[in-house]
Amino acid sequence: MIRTGILNPRILSLLARVRHTNALVIADRGFPFWPQIETVDISLVDDAPTVLQALGAVRAHCHFTAAFMAREFRKHNAAAARAAFAKALAGIPVKFEPHAQFKKRVPDAIGLIRTGDTVQYANLILISG
């Protein structure tokens, strides 16, 4: 029995299939459903869990070499939220692009973890290394 770390069996299964250069999406509660990719919905209530909590958990299990976020994240969020994401993504180069372009990358991902996060545009595409 797993006693520490990620306990969700669907997330563990998803992470076990992430290989070199594969993409994994961690999304907020408002992110659209993508029927062509596996989605693990762990949302419970507003802001539980958050994208940053999910990111912290998966970073302990995977090595990511790049990340993508919507450019709109910087425009629509306060400095504190931007700083929290920068700290959580430390060591991973982040490319900001228009949200429409960001969403075009989603169908190529191995899977998507949907959270209950209410931070606007708090979506990440992580590229494994």
Protein backbone atom coordinates (compact mmCIF):
# COMPACT_ATOMS: atom_id res chain seq x y z
CA MET A 1 0.00 0.00 0.00
CA ILE A 2 1.29 3.48 -0.88
CA ARG A 3 1.59 5.55 2.27
CA THR A 4 3.24 8.76 1.09
CA GLY A 5 3.42 10.87 -2.04
CA ILE A 6 0.70 10.74 -4.68
CA LEU A 7 -2.09 8.44 -3.55
CA ASN A 8 -4.45 8.84 -6.51
CA PRO A 9 -4.06 5.68 -8.65
CA ARG A 10 -5.19 7.39 -11.86
CA ILE A 11 -2.57 10.13 -11.48
CA LEU A 12 0.11 7.54 -10.70
CA SER A 13 -0.88 5.59 -13.81
CA LEU A 14 -0.80 8.74 -15.91
CA LEU A 15 2.63 9.76 -14.60
CA ALA A 16 3.99 6.27 -15.25
CA ARG A 17 3.23 6.78 -18.96
CA VAL A 18 4.94 10.17 -19.28
CA ARG A 19 8.11 9.69 -21.30
CA HIS A 20 10.82 11.94 -22.72
CA THR A 21 9.33 15.03 -24.43
CA ASN A 22 5.73 14.10 -23.51
CA ALA A 23 3.38 16.82 -22.32
CA LEU A 24 1.22 16.81 -19.19
CA VAL A 25 -1.46 19.43 -18.55
CA ILE A 26 -2.43 20.67 -15.11
CA ALA A 27 -5.53 22.84 -15.37
CA ASP A 28 -7.86 25.01 -13.34
CA ARG A 29 -11.56 24.27 -12.77
CA GLY A 30 -12.73 26.22 -15.79
CA PHE A 31 -10.51 24.54 -18.37
CA PRO A 32 -12.44 22.90 -21.24
CA PHE A 33 -12.92 19.15 -21.41
CA TRP A 34 -10.80 17.43 -24.07
CA PRO A 35 -12.42 14.07 -24.94
CA GLN A 36 -9.38 12.87 -26.89
CA ILE A 37 -7.00 12.87 -23.91
CA GLU A 38 -7.23 11.18 -20.53
CA THR A 39 -8.46 13.56 -17.86
CA VAL A 40 -8.07 12.94 -14.15
CA ASP A 41 -10.45 15.32 -12.38
CA ILE A 42 -9.37 15.88 -8.80
CA SER A 43 -11.47 19.01 -8.20
CA LEU A 44 -13.35 18.99 -4.93
CA VAL A 45 -14.47 22.56 -4.22
CA ASP A 46 -13.19 26.00 -5.20
CA ASP A 47 -9.40 26.04 -4.81
CA ALA A 48 -9.14 22.46 -3.58
CA PRO A 49 -6.79 21.29 -4.75
CA THR A 50 -4.95 24.04 -6.58
CA VAL A 51 -2.78 23.85 -9.67
CA LEU A 52 0.25 24.65 -7.50
CA GLN A 53 -0.54 21.77 -5.14
CA ALA A 54 -0.84 19.36 -8.07
CA LEU A 55 2.35 20.75 -9.60
CA GLY A 56 4.25 20.23 -6.35
CA ALA A 57 3.12 16.63 -6.19
CA VAL A 58 3.96 15.73 -9.79
CA ARG A 59 7.34 17.51 -9.72
CA ALA A 60 8.40 15.06 -7.03
CA HIS A 61 7.80 12.21 -9.50
CA CYS A 62 8.76 13.63 -12.91
CA HIS A 63 11.50 15.74 -14.44
CA PHE A 64 10.18 18.62 -16.54
CA THR A 65 12.38 20.68 -18.84
CA ALA A 66 9.87 23.20 -20.19
CA ALA A 67 6.46 24.65 -19.43
CA PHE A 68 3.87 26.65 -21.29
CA MET A 69 1.33 29.07 -19.86
CA ALA A 70 -1.16 31.50 -21.33
CA ARG A 71 0.13 35.04 -21.69
CA GLU A 72 -3.18 36.19 -20.18
CA PHE A 73 -2.13 34.69 -16.83
CA ARG A 74 0.28 37.59 -16.30
CA LYS A 75 -2.31 40.21 -17.25
CA HIS A 76 -5.21 38.89 -15.15
CA ASN A 77 -3.45 37.96 -11.90
CA ALA A 78 -1.85 39.93 -9.09
CA ALA A 79 1.88 39.97 -8.43
CA ALA A 80 1.48 37.52 -5.53
CA ALA A 81 -0.09 34.85 -7.78
CA ARG A 82 2.53 35.41 -10.48
CA ALA A 83 5.30 35.09 -7.88
CA ALA A 84 3.82 31.89 -6.43
CA PHE A 85 3.76 30.26 -9.87
CA ALA A 86 7.28 31.46 -10.65
CA LYS A 87 8.53 29.94 -7.40
CA ALA A 88 6.72 26.63 -8.00
CA LEU A 89 8.16 26.46 -11.54
CA ALA A 90 11.71 27.42 -10.49
CA GLY A 91 14.24 25.71 -12.72
CA ILE A 92 11.75 25.07 -15.51
CA PRO A 93 11.84 27.54 -18.42
CA VAL A 94 8.33 28.89 -19.01
CA LYS A 95 7.09 30.18 -22.35
CA PHE A 96 4.05 32.46 -22.26
CA GLU A 97 1.88 32.43 -25.37
CA PRO A 98 -1.65 33.56 -26.29
CA HIS A 99 -4.32 31.38 -24.66
CA ALA A 100 -5.66 30.31 -28.06
CA GLN A 101 -2.19 29.03 -29.02
CA PHE A 102 -1.77 27.37 -25.63
CA LYS A 103 -4.99 25.39 -26.10
CA LYS A 104 -3.78 24.09 -29.48
CA ARG A 105 -1.03 22.20 -27.63
CA VAL A 106 -3.44 20.36 -25.32
CA PRO A 107 -4.55 17.53 -27.67
CA ASP A 108 -0.92 16.36 -27.95
CA ALA A 109 -0.62 15.82 -24.18
CA ILE A 110 -0.47 12.40 -22.52
CA GLY A 111 -3.15 13.55 -20.10
CA LEU A 112 -4.72 16.34 -18.12
CA ILE A 113 -5.12 16.78 -14.38
CA ARG A 114 -8.05 19.09 -13.61
CA THR A 115 -8.01 20.88 -10.25
CA GLY A 116 -10.44 23.13 -8.40
CA ASP A 117 -8.20 26.18 -8.84
CA THR A 118 -9.96 29.51 -9.37
CA VAL A 119 -6.87 31.51 -10.37
CA GLN A 120 -7.50 32.87 -13.86
CA TYR A 121 -5.53 31.13 -16.62
CA ALA A 122 -3.74 28.96 -14.02
CA ASN A 123 -3.08 26.24 -16.57
CA LEU A 124 0.24 24.58 -17.28
CA ILE A 125 1.57 22.36 -20.01
CA LEU A 126 4.65 20.62 -18.68
CA ILE A 127 7.17 18.95 -20.99
CA SER A 128 9.08 15.99 -19.61
CA GLY A 129 12.82 15.80 -19.95
